C-alpha atoms as a PDB file:
ATOM      1  CA  UNK A   1      47.551 112.894  68.955  1.00  0.00           C
ATOM      2  CA  UNK A   2      49.667 111.107  66.389  1.00  0.00           C
ATOM      3  CA  UNK A   3      49.926 113.045  63.109  1.00  0.00           C
ATOM      4  CA  UNK A   4      48.816 111.128  59.959  1.00  0.00           C
ATOM      5  CA  UNK A   5      51.575 109.276  58.183  1.00  0.00           C
ATOM      6  CA  UNK A   6      52.175 110.315  54.615  1.00  0.00           C
ATOM      7  CA  UNK A   7      53.959 108.057  52.160  1.00  0.00           C
ATOM      8  CA  UNK A   8      56.023 109.789  49.676  1.00  0.00           C
ATOM      9  CA  UNK A   9      55.895 108.717  46.049  1.00  0.00           C
ATOM     10  CA  UNK A  10      52.523 106.843  46.301  1.00  0.00           C
ATOM     11  CA  UNK A  11      49.804 108.457  44.170  1.00  0.00           C
ATOM     12  CA  UNK A  12      46.364 106.890  43.824  1.00  0.00           C
ATOM     13  CA  UNK A  13      46.037 105.192  40.429  1.00  0.00           C
ATOM     14  CA  UNK A  14      42.696 106.858  39.792  1.00  0.00           C
ATOM     15  CA  UNK A  15      44.402 110.269  39.858  1.00  0.00           C
ATOM     16  CA  UNK A  16      46.976 109.019  37.372  1.00  0.00           C
ATOM     17  CA  UNK A  17      44.293 107.866  34.952  1.00  0.00           C
ATOM     18  CA  UNK A  18      42.445 111.169  35.192  1.00  0.00           C
ATOM     19  CA  UNK A  19      45.619 113.033  34.473  1.00  0.00           C
ATOM     20  CA  UNK A  20      46.377 110.870  31.461  1.00  0.00           C
ATOM     21  CA  UNK A  21      42.914 111.396  29.997  1.00  0.00           C
ATOM     22  CA  UNK A  22      43.577 115.131  29.868  1.00  0.00           C
ATOM     23  CA  UNK A  23      46.636 114.723  27.672  1.00  0.00           C
ATOM     24  CA  UNK A  24      46.028 114.953  23.928  1.00  0.00           C
ATOM     25  CA  UNK A  25      46.054 111.565  22.051  1.00  0.00           C
ATOM     26  CA  UNK A  26      46.202 109.468  25.159  1.00  0.00           C
ATOM     27  CA  UNK A  27      42.489 108.974  25.552  1.00  0.00           C
ATOM     28  CA  UNK A  28      42.245 107.493  22.089  1.00  0.00           C
ATOM     29  CA  UNK A  29      44.971 104.912  22.891  1.00  0.00           C
ATOM     30  CA  UNK A  30      43.401 103.582  26.064  1.00  0.00           C
ATOM     31  CA  UNK A  31      41.586 100.231  25.690  1.00  0.00           C
ATOM     32  CA  UNK A  32      37.858 100.353  25.595  1.00  0.00           C
ATOM     33  CA  UNK A  33      35.855  98.653  28.269  1.00  0.00           C
ATOM     34  CA  UNK A  34      34.426  95.155  27.658  1.00  0.00           C
ATOM     35  CA  UNK A  35      31.324  94.997  25.531  1.00  0.00           C
ATOM     36  CA  UNK A  36      28.084  93.237  26.515  1.00  0.00           C
ATOM     37  CA  UNK A  37      27.939  89.376  26.608  1.00  0.00           C
ATOM     38  CA  UNK A  38      26.744  87.736  23.387  1.00  0.00           C
ATOM     39  CA  UNK A  39      25.307  84.147  23.682  1.00  0.00           C
ATOM     40  CA  UNK A  40      27.053  81.506  21.512  1.00  0.00           C
ATOM     41  CA  UNK A  41      24.936  79.660  18.948  1.00  0.00           C
ATOM     42  CA  UNK A  42      23.724  76.177  20.084  1.00  0.00           C
ATOM     43  CA  UNK A  43      25.549  73.070  18.884  1.00  0.00           C
ATOM     44  CA  UNK A  44      23.883  71.256  15.965  1.00  0.00           C
ATOM     45  CA  UNK A  45      21.727  68.276  16.952  1.00  0.00           C
ATOM     46  CA  UNK A  46      23.485  64.917  16.752  1.00  0.00           C
ATOM     47  CA  UNK A  47      22.314  62.567  14.028  1.00  0.00           C
ATOM     48  CA  UNK A  48      20.377  59.484  15.108  1.00  0.00           C
ATOM     49  CA  UNK A  49      22.023  56.020  15.338  1.00  0.00           C
ATOM     50  CA  UNK A  50      21.704  53.916  12.234  1.00  0.00           C
ATOM     51  CA  UNK A  51      22.290  50.124  12.196  1.00  0.00           C
ATOM     52  CA  UNK A  52      25.254  48.886  10.151  1.00  0.00           C
ATOM     53  CA  UNK A  53      24.614  45.742   8.154  1.00  0.00           C
ATOM     54  CA  UNK A  54      28.106  45.441   6.697  1.00  0.00           C
ATOM     55  CA  UNK A  55      31.074  46.306   8.901  1.00  0.00           C
ATOM     56  CA  UNK A  56      33.361  46.544   5.880  1.00  0.00           C
ATOM     57  CA  UNK A  57      31.517  49.685   4.708  1.00  0.00           C
ATOM     58  CA  UNK A  58      32.524  51.649   7.816  1.00  0.00           C
ATOM     59  CA  UNK A  59      35.272  54.291   7.576  1.00  0.00           C
ATOM     60  CA  UNK A  60      38.649  53.038   8.816  1.00  0.00           C
ATOM     61  CA  UNK A  61      38.469  55.083  12.016  1.00  0.00           C
ATOM     62  CA  UNK A  62      35.347  53.136  13.086  1.00  0.00           C
ATOM     63  CA  UNK A  63      36.706  49.659  12.377  1.00  0.00           C
ATOM     64  CA  UNK A  64      37.902  47.578  15.354  1.00  0.00           C
ATOM     65  CA  UNK A  65      41.590  46.959  15.672  1.00  0.00           C
ATOM     66  CA  UNK A  66      42.636  43.525  14.319  1.00  0.00           C
ATOM     67  CA  UNK A  67      43.116  40.873  16.970  1.00  0.00           C
ATOM     68  CA  UNK A  68      46.730  40.028  17.649  1.00  0.00           C
ATOM     69  CA  UNK A  69      46.500  36.242  18.027  1.00  0.00           C
ATOM     70  CA  UNK A  70      49.355  33.821  18.414  1.00  0.00           C
ATOM     71  CA  UNK A  71      49.603  31.586  15.279  1.00  0.00           C
ATOM     72  CA  UNK A  72      50.072  28.539  17.486  1.00  0.00           C
ATOM     73  CA  UNK A  73      46.847  29.394  19.305  1.00  0.00           C
ATOM     74  CA  UNK A  74      44.977  29.863  16.029  1.00  0.00           C
ATOM     75  CA  UNK A  75      46.198  26.476  14.808  1.00  0.00           C
ATOM     76  CA  UNK A  76      44.425  24.621  17.615  1.00  0.00           C
ATOM     77  CA  UNK A  77      41.137  26.529  17.422  1.00  0.00           C
ATOM     78  CA  UNK A  78      39.564  24.255  14.773  1.00  0.00           C
ATOM     79  CA  UNK A  79      40.374  21.225  16.874  1.00  0.00           C
ATOM     80  CA  UNK A  80      38.758  22.817  19.904  1.00  0.00           C
ATOM     81  CA  UNK A  81      35.629  23.693  17.923  1.00  0.00           C
ATOM     82  CA  UNK A  82      35.311  20.220  16.457  1.00  0.00           C
ATOM     83  CA  UNK A  83      32.828  18.056  18.343  1.00  0.00           C
ATOM     84  CA  UNK A  84      34.326  15.133  20.205  1.00  0.00           C
ATOM     85  CA  UNK A  85      33.294  11.805  18.633  1.00  0.00           C
ATOM     86  CA  UNK A  86      32.152   8.947  20.798  1.00  0.00           C
ATOM     87  CA  UNK A  87      34.842   6.246  20.620  1.00  0.00           C
ATOM     88  CA  UNK A  88      32.427   3.368  21.128  1.00  0.00           C
ATOM     89  CA  UNK A  89      30.496   1.313  18.554  1.00  0.00           C
ATOM     90  CA  UNK A  90      27.419  -0.604  19.694  1.00  0.00           C
ATOM     91  CA  UNK A  91      25.054  -2.658  17.571  1.00  0.00           C
ATOM     92  CA  UNK A  92      22.341  -5.287  17.791  1.00  0.00           C
ATOM     93  CA  UNK A  93      20.405  -7.087  15.073  1.00  0.00           C
ATOM     94  CA  UNK A  94      19.660 -10.369  13.402  1.00  0.00           C
ATOM     95  CA  UNK A  95      19.996 -12.335  10.207  1.00  0.00           C
ATOM     96  CA  UNK A  96      20.194 -15.734   8.552  1.00  0.00           C
ATOM     97  CA  UNK A  97      22.968 -18.340   8.681  1.00  0.00           C
ATOM     98  CA  UNK A  98      23.773 -20.447   5.564  1.00  0.00           C
ATOM     99  CA  UNK A  99      25.884 -23.581   5.215  1.00  0.00           C
ATOM    100  CA  UNK A 100      26.050 -26.527   2.836  1.00  0.00           C
ATOM    101  CA  UNK A 101      25.825 -29.027   5.715  1.00  0.00           C
ATOM    102  CA  UNK A 102      23.938 -26.797   8.134  1.00  0.00           C
ATOM    103  CA  UNK A 103      20.271 -25.830   8.004  1.00  0.00           C
ATOM    104  CA  UNK A 104      19.406 -22.238   7.199  1.00  0.00           C
ATOM    105  CA  UNK A 105      18.674 -20.780  10.596  1.00  0.00           C
ATOM    106  CA  UNK A 106      18.123 -17.520  12.381  1.00  0.00           C
ATOM    107  CA  UNK A 107      20.958 -15.537  13.939  1.00  0.00           C
ATOM    108  CA  UNK A 108      20.943 -12.990  16.754  1.00  0.00           C
ATOM    109  CA  UNK A 109      24.026 -10.803  16.438  1.00  0.00           C
ATOM    110  CA  UNK A 110      25.648  -7.907  18.220  1.00  0.00           C
ATOM    111  CA  UNK A 111      28.658  -5.662  17.970  1.00  0.00           C
ATOM    112  CA  UNK A 112      30.812  -3.875  20.517  1.00  0.00           C
ATOM    113  CA  UNK A 113      33.670  -1.871  19.000  1.00  0.00           C
ATOM    114  CA  UNK A 114      36.280   0.757  19.691  1.00  0.00           C
ATOM    115  CA  UNK A 115      37.335   3.419  17.159  1.00  0.00           C
ATOM    116  CA  UNK A 116      41.110   3.427  16.799  1.00  0.00           C
ATOM    117  CA  UNK A 117      41.312   6.448  14.482  1.00  0.00           C
ATOM    118  CA  UNK A 118      39.414   8.129  11.659  1.00  0.00           C
ATOM    119  CA  UNK A 119      39.319   4.992   9.492  1.00  0.00           C
ATOM    120  CA  UNK A 120      39.908   1.886  11.639  1.00  0.00           C
ATOM    121  CA  UNK A 121      38.223   0.164  14.569  1.00  0.00           C
ATOM    122  CA  UNK A 122      38.237  -3.154  16.410  1.00  0.00           C
ATOM    123  CA  UNK A 123      35.010  -5.024  17.166  1.00  0.00           C
ATOM    124  CA  UNK A 124      33.697  -8.030  19.041  1.00  0.00           C
ATOM    125  CA  UNK A 125      30.878  -9.567  16.971  1.00  0.00           C
ATOM    126  CA  UNK A 126      29.034 -12.176  19.056  1.00  0.00           C
ATOM    127  CA  UNK A 127      26.373 -14.267  17.320  1.00  0.00           C
ATOM    128  CA  UNK A 128      23.907 -16.860  18.568  1.00  0.00           C
ATOM    129  CA  UNK A 129      22.851 -19.314  15.823  1.00  0.00           C
ATOM    130  CA  UNK A 130      19.488 -21.004  16.335  1.00  0.00           C
ATOM    131  CA  UNK A 131      19.274 -24.489  14.900  1.00  0.00           C
ATOM    132  CA  UNK A 132      21.976 -27.090  14.470  1.00  0.00           C
ATOM    133  CA  UNK A 133      22.759 -30.566  13.142  1.00  0.00           C
ATOM    134  CA  UNK A 134      24.254 -33.420  15.077  1.00  0.00           C
ATOM    135  CA  UNK A 135      27.088 -35.619  13.849  1.00  0.00           C
ATOM    136  CA  UNK A 136      24.590 -37.893  12.136  1.00  0.00           C
ATOM    137  CA  UNK A 137      23.268 -34.975  10.135  1.00  0.00           C
ATOM    138  CA  UNK A 138      19.978 -34.773  11.971  1.00  0.00           C
ATOM    139  CA  UNK A 139      18.518 -31.350  12.637  1.00  0.00           C
ATOM    140  CA  UNK A 140      17.963 -30.493  16.290  1.00  0.00           C
ATOM    141  CA  UNK A 141      16.937 -27.465  18.287  1.00  0.00           C
ATOM    142  CA  UNK A 142      20.339 -26.783  19.824  1.00  0.00           C
ATOM    143  CA  UNK A 143      22.163 -23.483  19.413  1.00  0.00           C
ATOM    144  CA  UNK A 144      25.761 -22.586  18.698  1.00  0.00           C
ATOM    145  CA  UNK A 145      27.681 -19.469  19.657  1.00  0.00           C
ATOM    146  CA  UNK A 146      30.429 -17.544  17.843  1.00  0.00           C
ATOM    147  CA  UNK A 147      32.634 -14.759  19.183  1.00  0.00           C
ATOM    148  CA  UNK A 148      35.082 -13.326  16.616  1.00  0.00           C
ATOM    149  CA  UNK A 149      37.275 -10.255  17.140  1.00  0.00           C
ATOM    150  CA  UNK A 150      37.675  -8.225  13.948  1.00  0.00           C
ATOM    151  CA  UNK A 151      39.760  -5.372  12.619  1.00  0.00           C
ATOM    152  CA  UNK A 152      37.455  -3.007  10.739  1.00  0.00           C
ATOM    153  CA  UNK A 153      38.660  -0.854   7.832  1.00  0.00           C
ATOM    154  CA  UNK A 154      37.201   2.360   6.405  1.00  0.00           C
ATOM    155  CA  UNK A 155      34.607   2.522   9.149  1.00  0.00           C
ATOM    156  CA  UNK A 156      33.238   5.844   7.855  1.00  0.00           C
ATOM    157  CA  UNK A 157      32.784   4.617   4.289  1.00  0.00           C
ATOM    158  CA  UNK A 158      29.723   3.082   2.699  1.00  0.00           C
ATOM    159  CA  UNK A 159      31.574  -0.245   2.388  1.00  0.00           C
ATOM    160  CA  UNK A 160      33.612  -1.251   5.436  1.00  0.00           C
ATOM    161  CA  UNK A 161      35.469  -4.611   5.180  1.00  0.00           C
ATOM    162  CA  UNK A 162      36.702  -6.522   8.205  1.00  0.00           C
ATOM    163  CA  UNK A 163      38.851  -9.560   9.051  1.00  0.00           C
ATOM    164  CA  UNK A 164      39.388 -11.455  12.256  1.00  0.00           C
ATOM    165  CA  UNK A 165      39.198 -14.635  14.248  1.00  0.00           C
ATOM    166  CA  UNK A 166      37.779 -16.037  17.451  1.00  0.00           C
ATOM    167  CA  UNK A 167      35.958 -19.028  18.857  1.00  0.00           C
ATOM    168  CA  UNK A 168      32.867 -21.062  17.920  1.00  0.00           C
ATOM    169  CA  UNK A 169      31.087 -23.369  20.336  1.00  0.00           C
ATOM    170  CA  UNK A 170      28.816 -26.409  19.775  1.00  0.00           C
ATOM    171  CA  UNK A 171      29.102 -26.348  15.991  1.00  0.00           C
ATOM    172  CA  UNK A 172      27.353 -29.494  14.678  1.00  0.00           C
ATOM    173  CA  UNK A 173      26.267 -30.174  18.271  1.00  0.00           C
ATOM    174  CA  UNK A 174      29.731 -31.392  19.245  1.00  0.00           C
ATOM    175  CA  UNK A 175      29.623 -29.504  22.522  1.00  0.00           C
ATOM    176  CA  UNK A 176      33.198 -28.378  21.864  1.00  0.00           C
ATOM    177  CA  UNK A 177      34.751 -24.938  21.448  1.00  0.00           C
ATOM    178  CA  UNK A 178      36.788 -24.495  18.258  1.00  0.00           C
ATOM    179  CA  UNK A 179      38.831 -21.746  16.642  1.00  0.00           C
ATOM    180  CA  UNK A 180      37.320 -19.837  13.735  1.00  0.00           C
ATOM    181  CA  UNK A 181      38.231 -17.286  11.085  1.00  0.00           C
ATOM    182  CA  UNK A 182      35.872 -14.652   9.756  1.00  0.00           C
ATOM    183  CA  UNK A 183      35.790 -11.998   7.064  1.00  0.00           C
ATOM    184  CA  UNK A 184      33.082  -9.793   5.633  1.00  0.00           C
ATOM    185  CA  UNK A 185      31.818  -6.367   4.742  1.00  0.00           C
ATOM    186  CA  UNK A 186      29.477  -3.903   6.394  1.00  0.00           C
ATOM    187  CA  UNK A 187      27.295  -1.729   4.161  1.00  0.00           C
ATOM    188  CA  UNK A 188      26.632   1.413   6.189  1.00  0.00           C
ATOM    189  CA  UNK A 189      23.245   2.291   4.716  1.00  0.00           C
ATOM    190  CA  UNK A 190      22.724   5.155   7.149  1.00  0.00           C
ATOM    191  CA  UNK A 191      24.549   6.357  10.238  1.00  0.00           C
ATOM    192  CA  UNK A 192      22.615   3.853  12.382  1.00  0.00           C
ATOM    193  CA  UNK A 193      21.611   1.038   9.996  1.00  0.00           C
ATOM    194  CA  UNK A 194      24.151  -1.501   8.698  1.00  0.00           C
ATOM    195  CA  UNK A 195      23.699  -4.489   6.402  1.00  0.00           C
ATOM    196  CA  UNK A 196      26.453  -7.057   6.813  1.00  0.00           C
ATOM    197  CA  UNK A 197      27.705 -10.111   4.951  1.00  0.00           C
ATOM    198  CA  UNK A 198      30.346 -12.464   6.311  1.00  0.00           C
ATOM    199  CA  UNK A 199      31.925 -15.872   5.765  1.00  0.00           C
ATOM    200  CA  UNK A 200      33.140 -17.973   8.686  1.00  0.00           C
ATOM    201  CA  UNK A 201      35.434 -20.991   8.739  1.00  0.00           C
ATOM    202  CA  UNK A 202      35.340 -23.161  11.863  1.00  0.00           C
ATOM    203  CA  UNK A 203      38.243 -25.510  12.620  1.00  0.00           C
ATOM    204  CA  UNK A 204      36.314 -28.675  13.494  1.00  0.00           C
ATOM    205  CA  UNK A 205      37.852 -31.590  15.408  1.00  0.00           C
ATOM    206  CA  UNK A 206      39.165 -34.604  13.558  1.00  0.00           C
ATOM    207  CA  UNK A 207      36.525 -37.152  12.677  1.00  0.00           C
ATOM    208  CA  UNK A 208      33.887 -34.536  11.813  1.00  0.00           C
ATOM    209  CA  UNK A 209      33.359 -34.748   8.065  1.00  0.00           C
ATOM    210  CA  UNK A 210      30.909 -31.883   7.672  1.00  0.00           C
ATOM    211  CA  UNK A 211      31.627 -28.638   5.841  1.00  0.00           C
ATOM    212  CA  UNK A 212      33.049 -26.053   8.232  1.00  0.00           C
ATOM    213  CA  UNK A 213      32.301 -23.100   5.936  1.00  0.00           C
ATOM    214  CA  UNK A 214      29.346 -20.864   6.836  1.00  0.00           C
ATOM    215  CA  UNK A 215      27.927 -17.554   5.594  1.00  0.00           C
ATOM    216  CA  UNK A 216      25.658 -14.993   7.241  1.00  0.00           C
ATOM    217  CA  UNK A 217      23.520 -12.092   6.121  1.00  0.00           C
ATOM    218  CA  UNK A 218      22.932  -9.628   8.962  1.00  0.00           C
ATOM    219  CA  UNK A 219      21.017  -6.413   9.497  1.00  0.00           C
ATOM    220  CA  UNK A 220      21.686  -4.451  12.668  1.00  0.00           C
ATOM    221  CA  UNK A 221      21.234  -1.101  14.308  1.00  0.00           C
ATOM    222  CA  UNK A 222      24.488   0.680  15.157  1.00  0.00           C
ATOM    223  CA  UNK A 223      24.941   3.388  17.776  1.00  0.00           C
END
């Protein structure tokens, strides 16, 4: 049989503690054992959410960080938010034609324009004039046609003047096409209703001794 192995210098720790407890003053210096567990008090209940009507009243720590936007980007934001305006002008209406040597007669008129910028536009203003006189001054049932191209000023204003020129056909029942000048004003009563006044001068052929000056009063719807 193999004899038990003994290790010199190794003493069970329990024996050491028992020996130390017997020495005077040592027992009082030993740490006491852990006391019983004590439950921690519960956390206070969180306050309910309250709506904030004014963000500026919040403490600074609750305010959102300011947006770091490029100044060049901010400069174009208003232009992006601005609604895009339709560049076209369309109108249709009627009126009365006046002339010293022409009978007062009805007019069917129209307008097709293009907005150049915030204040100016160009427009075609075709008109069909019902009623005419022949070279002998007799009234007949023929019609004449005018097609001036105008440059329109202050198109957004209440009073919008215009000037231009174009062609006039069958004036005084000549059956010819002649050059003409025109000028007038548009009174923009509302966004879609315009009252217009214009004066036209038609360059008649030689031998026609009638007055070539005409005037029109027109009312048309504009879109």
